[in-house]
Each structure stands twice: as structure tokens, then as C-alpha cells.
Protein backbone atom coordinates (compact mmCIF):
# COMPACT_ATOMS: atom_id res chain seq x y z
CA MET A 1 135.56 166.85 59.88
CA TYR A 2 135.25 167.35 56.00
CA ASP A 3 134.35 170.85 55.30
CA ARG A 4 134.39 173.42 52.46
CA THR A 5 138.19 173.89 52.69
CA ASP A 6 138.82 170.14 52.52
CA SER A 7 136.59 169.84 49.49
CA ILE A 8 138.67 172.45 47.63
CA THR A 9 142.20 171.53 48.81
CA SER A 10 142.09 167.82 49.26
CA LYS A 11 144.79 166.01 47.25
CA LYS A 12 142.80 162.89 46.97
CA LEU A 13 141.44 162.71 43.44
CA MET A 14 137.74 162.22 42.75
CA LEU A 15 136.73 159.74 40.05
CA GLN A 16 135.92 162.46 37.42
CA GLU A 17 139.25 164.07 38.09
CA ARG A 18 141.15 160.85 37.59
CA ILE A 19 139.41 160.35 34.16
CA LEU A 20 139.95 163.91 33.19
CA LEU A 21 143.69 163.74 33.89
CA LYS A 22 143.85 160.70 31.50
CA LEU A 23 142.02 162.47 28.74
CA PHE A 24 143.76 165.80 28.88
CA THR A 25 147.14 167.17 29.74
CA ARG A 26 147.59 169.51 32.70
CA TYR A 27 148.24 172.53 30.48
CA SER A 28 145.52 171.87 27.83
CA GLU A 29 143.56 175.01 27.00
CA LEU A 30 140.26 173.50 27.87
CA THR A 31 136.75 175.00 27.97
CA ILE A 32 134.88 173.77 31.07
CA PHE A 33 131.39 174.27 32.17
CA ASP A 34 130.41 173.81 35.86
CA ILE A 35 126.64 173.85 35.67
CA GLY A 36 125.16 174.14 39.13
CA SER A 37 128.30 175.37 40.69
CA CYS A 38 126.79 175.81 44.11
CA GLU A 39 129.70 177.42 46.07
CA GLY A 40 132.33 176.93 43.30
CA GLU A 41 134.36 174.19 44.87
CA ASN A 42 134.59 172.08 41.86
CA SER A 43 135.29 174.99 39.61
CA ILE A 44 138.28 175.87 41.90
CA ARG A 45 139.51 172.17 41.80
CA TYR A 46 139.44 172.22 38.03
CA SER A 47 141.08 175.62 37.89
CA ARG A 48 143.96 174.17 39.94
CA PHE A 49 144.30 171.05 37.82
CA PHE A 50 144.15 172.76 34.52
CA PRO A 51 145.48 176.34 34.92
CA ASN A 52 145.12 177.15 31.26
CA ALA A 53 141.50 176.16 31.10
CA LYS A 54 138.62 178.66 30.83
CA ILE A 55 136.07 177.68 33.31
CA TYR A 56 132.49 178.92 33.33
CA ALA A 57 130.69 178.52 36.63
CA PHE A 58 126.93 178.74 36.23
CA GLU A 59 124.92 179.48 39.47
CA PRO A 60 121.67 181.40 39.79
CA LEU A 61 121.16 181.43 43.57
CA PRO A 62 122.17 184.82 45.11
CA ASP A 63 123.49 183.21 48.42
CA ASN A 64 125.64 180.68 46.53
CA ILE A 65 126.87 183.43 44.19
CA LYS A 66 128.24 185.28 47.23
CA HIS A 67 130.16 182.17 48.35
CA ILE A 68 131.50 181.57 44.78
CA LYS A 69 132.86 185.09 44.57
CA LYS A 70 134.48 184.84 47.97
CA ASN A 71 136.02 181.43 47.13
CA ILE A 72 137.33 182.52 43.72
CA ASN A 73 139.03 185.51 45.39
CA GLN A 74 140.35 183.51 48.34
CA TYR A 75 142.02 180.93 45.97
CA ASN A 76 143.06 183.42 43.29
CA CYS A 77 141.45 181.67 40.45
CA SER A 78 141.67 184.16 37.53
CA ASN A 79 140.60 181.51 34.99
CA ILE A 80 136.98 181.04 36.44
CA GLN A 81 134.19 183.22 34.96
CA LEU A 82 131.07 183.30 37.12
CA GLU A 83 127.82 183.26 35.26
CA GLU A 84 124.89 184.32 37.43
CA VAL A 85 122.28 182.33 35.63
CA GLY A 86 120.72 178.87 35.50
CA LEU A 87 120.96 176.69 32.39
CA SER A 88 117.83 175.02 31.04
CA ASP A 89 116.02 174.32 27.78
CA SER A 90 114.60 177.87 27.43
CA ILE A 91 115.67 181.50 27.90
CA GLY A 92 113.79 183.62 30.35
CA ALA A 93 112.56 183.58 33.91
CA SER A 94 111.83 180.36 35.95
CA THR A 95 110.78 179.40 39.44
CA PHE A 96 113.56 177.88 41.38
CA TYR A 97 112.81 175.72 44.42
CA VAL A 98 115.34 176.54 47.11
CA SER A 99 116.61 173.84 49.50
CA SER A 100 117.93 174.22 53.08
CA GLY A 101 118.40 172.12 56.18
CA THR A 102 120.97 170.16 58.10
CA PRO A 103 121.03 166.46 59.00
CA ASP A 104 120.16 165.83 62.71
CA GLU A 105 123.54 164.27 63.47
CA TYR A 106 125.29 167.50 62.46
CA ALA A 107 122.65 170.01 63.79
CA ASN A 108 124.82 171.03 66.84
CA MET A 109 128.10 170.96 65.18
CA ASN A 110 129.86 174.08 64.05
CA PHE A 111 131.88 173.65 60.86
CA ASP A 112 132.20 175.21 57.45
CA TRP A 113 129.78 173.16 55.34
CA ASN A 114 126.28 173.84 54.11
CA PHE A 115 124.28 170.58 53.58
CA GLY A 116 121.11 172.16 52.61
CA ASN A 117 122.07 174.49 49.70
CA LYS A 118 122.99 171.57 47.34
CA SER A 119 119.56 170.34 46.42
CA SER A 120 117.85 173.42 44.91
CA SER A 121 116.21 172.76 41.50
CA LEU A 122 114.07 173.99 38.64
CA LEU A 123 111.86 171.10 39.42
CA GLN A 124 109.50 170.86 42.42
CA PRO A 125 110.65 168.39 45.08
CA GLY A 126 109.38 164.80 44.82
CA VAL A 127 110.38 161.91 47.13
CA SER A 128 113.59 163.85 48.15
CA LYS A 129 111.93 164.80 51.45
CA GLN A 130 111.05 161.30 52.24
CA ILE A 131 114.56 159.94 51.49
CA HIS A 132 116.12 163.01 53.28
CA PRO A 133 113.72 164.08 56.03
CA TRP A 134 115.99 166.82 57.21
CA LEU A 135 115.96 168.50 53.67
CA LYS A 136 113.60 171.43 53.47
CA PHE A 137 112.02 173.31 50.52
CA GLU A 138 110.50 176.40 52.10
CA ASP A 139 111.33 179.02 49.59
CA THR A 140 111.22 179.85 45.87
CA VAL A 141 112.96 182.45 43.89
CA THR A 142 112.68 183.62 40.28
CA ILE A 143 115.87 183.12 38.35
CA GLN A 144 117.05 183.97 34.82
CA THR A 145 117.69 180.94 32.59
CA ASP A 146 119.72 180.59 29.49
CA THR A 147 120.52 177.56 27.23
CA ILE A 148 123.88 176.18 26.43
CA ASP A 149 123.39 176.85 22.73
CA HIS A 150 122.50 180.57 23.21
CA PHE A 151 125.24 181.07 25.71
CA CYS A 152 127.88 179.40 23.53
CA LYS A 153 126.82 181.40 20.45
CA SER A 154 126.91 184.67 22.40
CA ARG A 155 130.50 183.87 23.53
CA ASN A 156 131.79 182.42 20.22
CA ILE A 157 132.27 179.00 21.99
CA ASP A 158 132.33 176.35 19.30
CA HIS A 159 133.11 173.33 21.56
CA VAL A 160 133.15 172.38 25.24
CA ASP A 161 135.85 169.95 26.55
CA PHE A 162 134.01 169.03 29.78
CA ILE A 163 130.72 169.66 31.51
CA HIS A 164 130.35 169.00 35.26
CA MET A 165 126.61 169.10 35.86
CA ASP A 166 124.75 168.95 39.12
CA VAL A 167 121.28 170.35 38.53
CA GLN A 168 119.13 168.23 40.65
CA GLY A 169 116.77 166.44 38.14
CA ALA A 170 117.14 169.08 35.34
CA GLU A 171 119.81 167.15 33.40
CA LEU A 172 117.79 166.64 30.19
CA MET A 173 116.45 170.21 30.31
CA VAL A 174 120.02 171.49 30.28
CA LEU A 175 121.19 168.99 27.62
CA LYS A 176 118.24 169.73 25.29
CA GLY A 177 119.11 173.37 25.59
CA GLY A 178 122.53 172.41 24.00
CA ASN A 179 121.10 170.35 21.06
CA SER A 180 123.18 172.26 18.47
CA ILE A 181 126.51 172.06 20.33
CA LEU A 182 126.02 168.73 21.84
CA SER A 183 128.00 166.95 19.13
CA ASN A 184 131.01 169.24 20.00
CA ILE A 185 130.95 168.42 23.70
CA VAL A 186 133.86 166.04 24.48
CA SER A 187 132.95 164.79 28.04
CA ILE A 188 130.10 165.06 30.62
CA TRP A 189 130.03 164.22 34.29
CA MET A 190 126.56 164.55 35.88
CA GLU A 191 124.47 163.47 38.80
CA VAL A 192 121.72 160.95 37.96
CA GLU A 193 118.85 159.55 40.01
CA SER A 194 117.19 156.17 40.20
CA VAL A 195 114.18 157.51 41.95
CA PRO A 196 112.18 160.72 41.39
CA LEU A 197 113.73 163.05 43.96
CA TYR A 198 112.00 165.78 41.94
CA GLN A 199 108.67 165.77 40.13
CA ASN A 200 108.71 164.78 36.46
CA GLN A 201 112.52 164.39 36.49
CA PRO A 202 114.33 162.05 34.09
CA LEU A 203 115.63 158.94 35.74
CA LYS A 204 118.73 156.87 35.02
CA ILE A 205 117.19 155.01 32.14
CA ASP A 206 115.96 158.20 30.51
CA VAL A 207 119.28 159.98 30.72
CA GLU A 208 121.15 156.83 29.36
CA GLN A 209 118.71 156.68 26.42
CA PHE A 210 119.29 160.24 25.62
CA MET A 211 123.00 160.18 25.88
CA ARG A 212 123.37 156.92 23.74
CA SER A 213 121.00 158.39 21.16
CA HIS A 214 123.66 161.21 20.78
CA ASN A 215 126.47 158.79 20.50
CA PHE A 216 127.91 159.29 23.98
CA ILE A 217 129.51 156.31 25.82
CA LYS A 218 129.34 155.83 29.48
CA VAL A 219 132.72 155.07 31.10
CA ALA A 220 131.95 155.41 34.73
CA ASP A 221 128.72 154.87 36.85
CA THR A 222 128.35 155.20 40.59
CA VAL A 223 124.53 155.39 40.59
CA ASN A 224 123.06 153.31 43.35
CA GLU A 225 119.36 152.71 44.34
CA VAL A 226 118.87 156.47 44.86
CA SER A 227 121.43 158.57 43.01
CA GLY A 228 124.99 158.90 41.90
CA ASP A 229 127.13 160.16 38.99
CA GLN A 230 128.02 159.16 35.45
CA PHE A 231 130.83 160.07 33.13
CA TRP A 232 130.09 160.13 29.38
CA LEU A 233 132.45 160.52 26.59
CA ASN A 234 131.47 161.69 22.99
CA ASN A 235 132.13 158.68 20.77
CA ASN A 236 132.48 160.78 17.78
CA LEU A 237 135.44 162.65 19.31
CA ILE A 238 137.04 159.97 21.61
CA GLN A 239 136.76 156.38 20.69
CA VAL A 240 136.04 154.34 23.81
CA GLY A 241 134.38 151.04 24.92
CA GLU A 242 131.31 151.42 27.11
CA LYS A 243 131.14 150.23 30.67
CA ASN A 244 127.92 148.82 31.92
């Protein structure tokens, strides 16, 4: 059974990892943002692939933060900096809709994986509960938000080599909060939806329009009739041909 340990230690490369290992050398001194880090699994994988990288893991949920701290210590990832904040298009306090639940087929199984904590969002749930009936949104919390621009300015970060973003419908909120530095972001991997899993969220066509308007080129796309992921490269920094 695939669990948290498998997700961190598996030697099978995920699509975005294969692309990254073509773009950068293993010992490149990269700046990586893992936005919506959840339990930190992806941050840890990037830490192991790129040991000289500086990785910022952004996560606002207290329960998830506990897991990230535990996992960073367990895997001895000294190049990950945990940032206990959500990224958005504004600085302040925001309501965060907390997801939970387990699919029926896994309800009576005991293994180390949390299905329900991966869908929390700054946006209210839309059709997500119809598509995933097991998924619950029973709680809200107030979180602190920051913008990419403000965060980078406060840390003297003048570029970002790679962003891994899984923010459940808030993609354009996060990107618009990085308007000043967006031209100095080399590559972005993010989850994108074809249907409104969350209320008033941007869909695939909206995300693609925004990215192309900022001269990003799409080089990978796994989005199906519901959701998937896209990999974008900054055409001002890396000359590529776009894939449909």
C-alpha cells in the first residue's frame, strides 16, 4: 500500500522531477518554493534531488505543520525552511476551509496516509463534494497570508528557480501576489482544475491565459476532465517550444 514513506522515498521519478533534472544539475544552488506543502513530502524529495538548493515550504495549517516538522527531522533535511503562512494576493488574515475524510474503500484500513488533509483551500468548496463524496469541509481556521513579492523582498530573494504549487483553486491569487517577481521565476508546476472544485476558482483556460500573458510556455499537461498538473517555463529565461 502506497503511504507517506513511499511518497518520500520512492525512486520512481514523478513527471515534474524528470523535467527538473533536465533543467538543472543535481548540485545547482536553486531557490525552490513548495507552496501548499501539506506534510512536506515534495519538499523532502526536492531536498534529496538538489542538496544545495534552498527550499521554502509554505504551509498554514497547524496539523500539517506538525507533520512537516516531524518529517524534516526524520529525513534530516537541513536545506528546508518551513514558513508557517499561506501565500495569496494580499497580506493579512484569511479564512481557510479545512478538508478531511477518507474514501470508503480505505475507511477500515490502517496505514500511514491522510487522504483528507490535501484539499484545504482559501476558497469555499464548490463541486468537490459532489465529485469526491467522502471529502468533508467541516471546519474553518483563520490563517496568516503573505504574498510572494513581499516574502521575497523581505528575504532578499531576487529570483525563484522552481515553484511547486498545490493550493486548491487559489493558483491565480498566489501568482498575482508575485506580480513583481514573476518575470524572474524560471519554472512552475501547479495543480489545475477543469471544473470548479472550489467557488470562484480559476479553471484551466484562465490559468493558461494568465501564464501565456506573462510569457510562460507550457511543457507538460496532465489535466483531465476534472484536474491535473501543468509544468510551465519562463520563455524569457529558457527558450522552449510549447506543448498543447
